[in-house]
N, C-alpha and C. Protein backbone atom coordinates (compact mmCIF):
# COMPACT_ATOMS: atom_id res chain seq x y z
N MET A 1 99.42 104.28 119.10
CA MET A 1 98.45 103.85 118.20
C MET A 1 98.31 104.35 116.93
N LYS A 2 97.61 103.35 116.12
CA LYS A 2 98.07 104.05 114.40
C LYS A 2 96.72 104.29 114.12
N ARG A 3 96.63 105.32 113.41
CA ARG A 3 95.34 105.46 112.34
C ARG A 3 95.17 105.55 110.94
N TYR A 4 94.31 104.90 110.33
CA TYR A 4 94.24 104.70 109.17
C TYR A 4 92.84 105.66 108.77
N CYS A 5 93.08 106.13 107.41
CA CYS A 5 91.76 106.83 106.79
C CYS A 5 91.41 105.81 105.62
N LEU A 6 90.36 105.45 105.08
CA LEU A 6 90.17 104.85 103.74
C LEU A 6 88.96 105.55 103.24
N ALA A 7 88.68 105.23 102.02
CA ALA A 7 87.47 105.79 101.25
C ALA A 7 86.85 104.57 100.48
N LEU A 8 85.70 104.57 99.94
CA LEU A 8 84.75 103.46 99.34
C LEU A 8 83.87 104.27 98.99
N ASP A 9 83.33 103.66 97.85
CA ASP A 9 81.96 104.45 97.53
C ASP A 9 80.89 103.61 97.45
N LEU A 10 79.97 104.15 97.44
CA LEU A 10 77.96 103.63 97.75
C LEU A 10 77.75 103.78 95.98
N LYS A 11 76.74 102.91 95.69
CA LYS A 11 76.01 102.57 94.72
C LYS A 11 75.00 104.21 94.72
N ASP A 12 75.46 104.61 93.80
CA ASP A 12 74.19 106.03 93.84
C ASP A 12 73.20 106.16 93.56
N ASP A 13 72.60 105.50 94.40
CA ASP A 13 71.18 105.49 94.66
C ASP A 13 70.39 105.65 96.15
N PRO A 14 69.49 106.91 96.29
CA PRO A 14 69.37 107.52 97.49
C PRO A 14 68.69 106.12 98.17
N LYS A 15 67.68 105.15 97.89
CA LYS A 15 67.18 104.43 98.66
C LYS A 15 68.01 103.27 99.29
N LEU A 16 69.23 102.88 98.53
CA LEU A 16 70.30 102.17 98.58
C LEU A 16 71.43 102.51 100.11
N ILE A 17 71.53 103.95 99.99
CA ILE A 17 72.20 104.47 100.24
C ILE A 17 71.55 104.74 101.99
N GLU A 18 70.16 105.17 101.93
CA GLU A 18 69.56 104.80 102.89
C GLU A 18 69.25 103.67 103.83
N GLU A 19 69.22 102.37 103.12
CA GLU A 19 69.10 101.13 103.68
C GLU A 19 70.48 100.95 104.47
N TYR A 20 71.79 101.48 103.62
CA TYR A 20 73.10 101.26 104.06
C TYR A 20 73.22 101.78 105.61
N GLU A 21 72.81 103.08 105.57
CA GLU A 21 72.84 103.86 106.90
C GLU A 21 72.11 103.49 107.87
N LYS A 22 70.75 102.72 107.79
CA LYS A 22 69.98 101.83 108.74
C LYS A 22 70.51 100.98 108.97
N TYR A 23 71.64 100.19 108.06
CA TYR A 23 72.48 98.94 109.11
C TYR A 23 73.45 99.39 109.57
N HIS A 24 74.12 100.61 109.49
CA HIS A 24 75.18 100.75 110.22
C HIS A 24 74.50 101.90 111.54
N GLN A 25 73.17 101.89 111.51
CA GLN A 25 72.80 102.10 113.00
C GLN A 25 72.63 101.30 113.72
N ASN A 26 72.53 99.92 113.45
CA ASN A 26 72.49 98.75 114.37
C ASN A 26 73.54 97.61 113.79
N VAL A 27 74.47 97.84 113.83
CA VAL A 27 75.47 97.02 113.45
C VAL A 27 75.71 95.58 114.10
N TRP A 28 75.18 94.59 113.50
CA TRP A 28 75.59 93.32 114.21
C TRP A 28 76.43 93.18 115.10
N PRO A 29 76.39 92.42 116.28
CA PRO A 29 77.39 92.32 117.72
C PRO A 29 78.11 91.71 117.50
N GLU A 30 78.06 90.72 116.38
CA GLU A 30 79.00 89.80 115.60
C GLU A 30 80.26 90.56 114.90
N ILE A 31 79.69 91.35 114.18
CA ILE A 31 80.44 92.54 113.62
C ILE A 31 81.32 93.52 114.32
N LYS A 32 80.61 94.15 115.51
CA LYS A 32 81.42 95.25 116.30
C LYS A 32 82.74 94.19 116.96
N LYS A 33 82.12 92.91 117.49
CA LYS A 33 83.08 92.22 117.91
C LYS A 33 84.35 91.77 117.27
N SER A 34 84.42 91.71 115.85
CA SER A 34 85.06 91.14 115.13
C SER A 34 86.29 92.44 114.72
N ILE A 35 85.56 93.58 115.18
CA ILE A 35 86.32 94.85 114.67
C ILE A 35 87.41 94.93 115.76
N THR A 36 86.68 94.97 117.26
CA THR A 36 87.45 95.41 118.16
C THR A 36 88.46 93.93 118.55
N ASP A 37 88.19 92.93 118.33
CA ASP A 37 89.21 91.47 118.32
C ASP A 37 90.21 91.88 117.47
N SER A 38 90.13 92.34 116.46
CA SER A 38 91.33 92.66 115.73
C SER A 38 92.20 93.55 115.85
N GLY A 39 91.71 94.47 116.97
CA GLY A 39 92.78 95.69 117.34
C GLY A 39 92.39 97.12 116.90
N ILE A 40 91.31 97.19 116.48
CA ILE A 40 90.79 98.31 115.82
C ILE A 40 90.02 99.04 117.44
N VAL A 41 90.67 100.08 117.54
CA VAL A 41 89.98 100.48 119.25
C VAL A 41 89.16 101.43 118.89
N ASP A 42 88.94 102.57 117.51
CA ASP A 42 87.73 103.35 117.35
C ASP A 42 87.72 103.31 115.88
N MET A 43 86.30 103.36 115.36
CA MET A 43 86.10 103.52 114.31
C MET A 43 85.05 104.31 113.58
N GLN A 44 85.21 105.36 112.70
CA GLN A 44 84.08 106.24 112.63
C GLN A 44 83.87 106.39 110.96
N ILE A 45 82.91 106.45 110.44
CA ILE A 45 82.61 106.34 109.01
C ILE A 45 81.56 107.54 108.88
N TYR A 46 81.96 108.27 107.76
CA TYR A 46 81.54 109.29 107.12
C TYR A 46 80.88 109.44 105.85
N ARG A 47 79.75 110.25 105.51
CA ARG A 47 79.55 110.14 104.30
C ARG A 47 79.20 111.43 103.56
N LEU A 48 79.72 111.64 102.06
CA LEU A 48 79.48 112.63 101.43
C LEU A 48 78.93 112.35 99.98
N LYS A 49 77.64 112.22 100.01
CA LYS A 49 76.79 111.46 98.66
C LYS A 49 77.07 110.49 98.62
N ASP A 50 77.87 109.93 97.47
CA ASP A 50 78.14 108.34 97.67
C ASP A 50 79.27 108.02 98.32
N ARG A 51 80.50 109.01 98.47
CA ARG A 51 81.94 108.80 98.83
C ARG A 51 81.73 108.48 100.21
N MET A 52 82.39 107.22 100.65
CA MET A 52 82.49 106.91 102.05
C MET A 52 84.07 107.30 102.57
N PHE A 53 83.97 107.99 103.85
CA PHE A 53 85.18 108.14 104.49
C PHE A 53 85.27 107.37 106.13
N MET A 54 86.31 106.72 105.75
CA MET A 54 86.57 105.87 107.32
C MET A 54 87.84 106.12 107.50
N ILE A 55 88.06 106.23 109.35
CA ILE A 55 88.72 106.71 110.15
C ILE A 55 88.92 105.40 111.24
N MET A 56 89.88 104.95 111.16
CA MET A 56 90.51 103.95 112.17
C MET A 56 91.75 104.00 112.84
N GLU A 57 91.43 103.84 114.49
CA GLU A 57 92.39 103.86 115.53
C GLU A 57 92.64 102.54 115.76
N THR A 58 94.07 102.29 115.58
CA THR A 58 94.20 100.92 115.97
C THR A 58 95.33 100.51 117.13
N GLU A 59 95.62 99.64 117.80
CA GLU A 59 96.30 99.04 118.52
C GLU A 59 97.96 99.28 117.72
N ASP A 60 99.13 99.41 118.34
CA ASP A 60 100.33 99.39 117.39
C ASP A 60 100.11 98.06 116.59
N ASP A 61 99.87 97.04 117.29
CA ASP A 61 100.41 95.69 116.51
C ASP A 61 99.26 95.36 115.62
N PHE A 62 98.16 96.29 115.26
CA PHE A 62 96.98 96.09 113.95
C PHE A 62 97.76 95.67 112.74
N SER A 63 97.23 94.81 112.03
CA SER A 63 97.56 94.20 110.98
C SER A 63 96.34 94.17 109.81
N PHE A 64 96.10 94.58 108.73
CA PHE A 64 95.06 94.58 107.87
C PHE A 64 95.21 92.74 107.32
N GLU A 65 96.43 92.06 107.06
CA GLU A 65 96.55 91.22 106.50
C GLU A 65 95.90 90.20 107.83
N LYS A 66 96.07 90.33 109.36
CA LYS A 66 95.55 89.64 110.14
C LYS A 66 93.92 89.87 110.06
N LYS A 67 93.55 90.90 110.14
CA LYS A 67 92.15 91.27 109.98
C LYS A 67 91.60 90.48 108.94
N ALA A 68 92.02 90.63 107.62
CA ALA A 68 91.73 89.68 106.62
C ALA A 68 91.37 88.07 107.01
N GLN A 69 92.67 87.48 107.59
CA GLN A 69 92.53 86.39 107.88
C GLN A 69 91.46 86.09 109.11
N MET A 70 91.24 86.71 110.19
CA MET A 70 90.06 86.35 110.81
C MET A 70 88.73 86.75 110.10
N ASP A 71 88.37 87.59 109.09
CA ASP A 71 87.50 87.60 108.57
C ASP A 71 87.19 86.91 107.85
N ALA A 72 88.01 86.15 107.04
CA ALA A 72 87.62 84.97 106.08
C ALA A 72 87.28 83.75 106.87
N ASN A 73 88.10 83.54 108.01
CA ASN A 73 87.57 82.49 109.12
C ASN A 73 86.31 82.71 110.22
N ASN A 74 85.73 83.95 109.80
CA ASN A 74 84.29 84.01 110.54
C ASN A 74 83.03 84.33 109.32
N ALA A 75 82.10 83.62 109.94
CA ALA A 75 80.92 83.24 108.83
C ALA A 75 80.06 84.63 108.94
N LYS A 76 79.91 84.84 110.25
CA LYS A 76 79.26 86.30 110.29
C LYS A 76 79.41 87.28 109.63
N VAL A 77 81.28 87.62 109.77
CA VAL A 77 81.60 88.70 108.95
C VAL A 77 81.23 88.47 107.25
N GLN A 78 81.35 87.22 107.05
CA GLN A 78 81.34 87.33 105.25
C GLN A 78 79.89 87.42 104.87
N GLN A 79 79.10 86.95 105.51
CA GLN A 79 77.96 87.35 105.75
C GLN A 79 77.43 88.88 105.22
N TRP A 80 77.96 89.66 106.54
CA TRP A 80 77.77 90.75 106.28
C TRP A 80 78.60 91.79 105.59
N GLU A 81 79.92 90.69 104.68
CA GLU A 81 80.54 91.61 104.09
C GLU A 81 79.80 91.40 102.42
N GLN A 82 79.23 90.40 102.40
CA GLN A 82 78.36 90.00 101.58
C GLN A 82 76.98 91.08 101.04
N LEU A 83 76.24 91.18 102.44
CA LEU A 83 75.41 92.19 102.35
C LEU A 83 75.71 93.50 101.84
N MET A 84 76.54 93.91 102.38
CA MET A 84 77.22 95.27 101.96
C MET A 84 77.81 95.62 100.70
N TRP A 85 78.04 94.45 100.04
CA TRP A 85 78.50 94.64 98.77
C TRP A 85 77.02 95.01 97.82
N THR A 86 76.11 94.83 98.14
CA THR A 86 74.74 95.23 97.97
C THR A 86 74.57 96.78 97.69
N PHE A 87 75.53 97.45 98.39
CA PHE A 87 75.22 98.88 98.70
C PHE A 87 76.60 99.60 97.99
N GLN A 88 77.66 98.89 98.16
CA GLN A 88 79.13 99.58 98.09
C GLN A 88 79.34 99.25 96.42
N LYS A 89 80.37 99.88 95.97
CA LYS A 89 80.87 99.79 94.80
C LYS A 89 82.44 100.13 94.99
N SER A 90 83.09 99.38 94.24
CA SER A 90 84.68 99.84 94.39
C SER A 90 84.83 101.05 93.71
N LEU A 91 85.94 101.97 94.35
CA LEU A 91 86.67 102.90 93.56
C LEU A 91 87.17 102.52 92.07
N PRO A 92 86.78 103.39 91.22
CA PRO A 92 87.44 103.19 89.96
C PRO A 92 88.58 102.78 89.52
N PHE A 93 89.73 103.10 90.51
CA PHE A 93 90.84 102.70 90.36
C PHE A 93 91.20 101.35 90.95
N ALA A 94 90.27 100.68 91.89
CA ALA A 94 90.31 99.61 92.86
C ALA A 94 90.90 98.15 92.30
N LYS A 95 91.63 97.93 92.70
CA LYS A 95 91.89 96.46 92.10
C LYS A 95 90.72 95.19 92.18
N PRO A 96 90.50 94.38 91.61
CA PRO A 96 89.22 93.61 91.30
C PRO A 96 88.84 93.08 92.94
N GLY A 97 87.77 93.07 93.58
CA GLY A 97 87.56 92.90 94.86
C GLY A 97 87.61 93.75 95.99
N GLU A 98 88.56 94.92 95.88
CA GLU A 98 89.16 95.37 96.64
C GLU A 98 87.80 96.61 96.90
N LYS A 99 87.60 96.75 98.58
CA LYS A 99 86.86 97.54 98.59
C LYS A 99 87.58 98.86 99.46
N TRP A 100 87.46 98.83 100.94
CA TRP A 100 88.20 100.18 101.39
C TRP A 100 89.23 100.25 100.97
N ILE A 101 90.10 101.38 100.65
CA ILE A 101 91.29 101.98 99.87
C ILE A 101 91.83 103.00 100.88
N ILE A 102 92.84 102.34 101.30
CA ILE A 102 93.87 103.31 102.61
C ILE A 102 94.12 104.76 101.83
N MET A 103 93.83 105.97 102.25
CA MET A 103 94.05 107.36 101.83
C MET A 103 95.51 107.33 101.90
N ASP A 104 96.06 108.32 101.55
CA ASP A 104 97.67 109.05 101.97
C ASP A 104 97.54 110.32 102.57
N ARG A 105 98.04 110.32 103.51
CA ARG A 105 97.93 111.73 104.46
C ARG A 105 98.67 112.78 103.59
N VAL A 106 98.30 114.13 103.38
CA VAL A 106 98.58 115.31 102.43
C VAL A 106 99.13 116.29 103.47
N PHE A 107 98.21 116.09 104.89
CA PHE A 107 98.88 117.53 105.35
C PHE A 107 98.47 117.08 107.00
N LYS A 108 99.20 117.89 108.15
CA LYS A 108 99.23 117.54 109.40
C LYS A 108 99.51 118.71 109.91
N LEU A 109 98.76 119.21 110.64
CA LEU A 109 99.01 120.38 111.40
C LEU A 109 99.62 119.92 112.75
């Protein structure tokens, strides 16, 4: 099993953040299926103000490239991602169009 930690920012607007969290309390079933079908076993998202932190645990053969290809071919995922861009903003150092960025682990006990 692999673990990835990723970060993303939200637009700093309390109403948008509240709406974003409401969507994540009732994630569309097609989105949940696309997540598990890609080899993601567990996913948790945490928020501190407008900073988001995601922990993903995946099967050993999980690949971000394969997930991106699956998502590109899934109209419902594309609809969800477009909707989420309403609330999200890239980190200042992100490449154009880049959302969640993998974090480097700096400590492990």
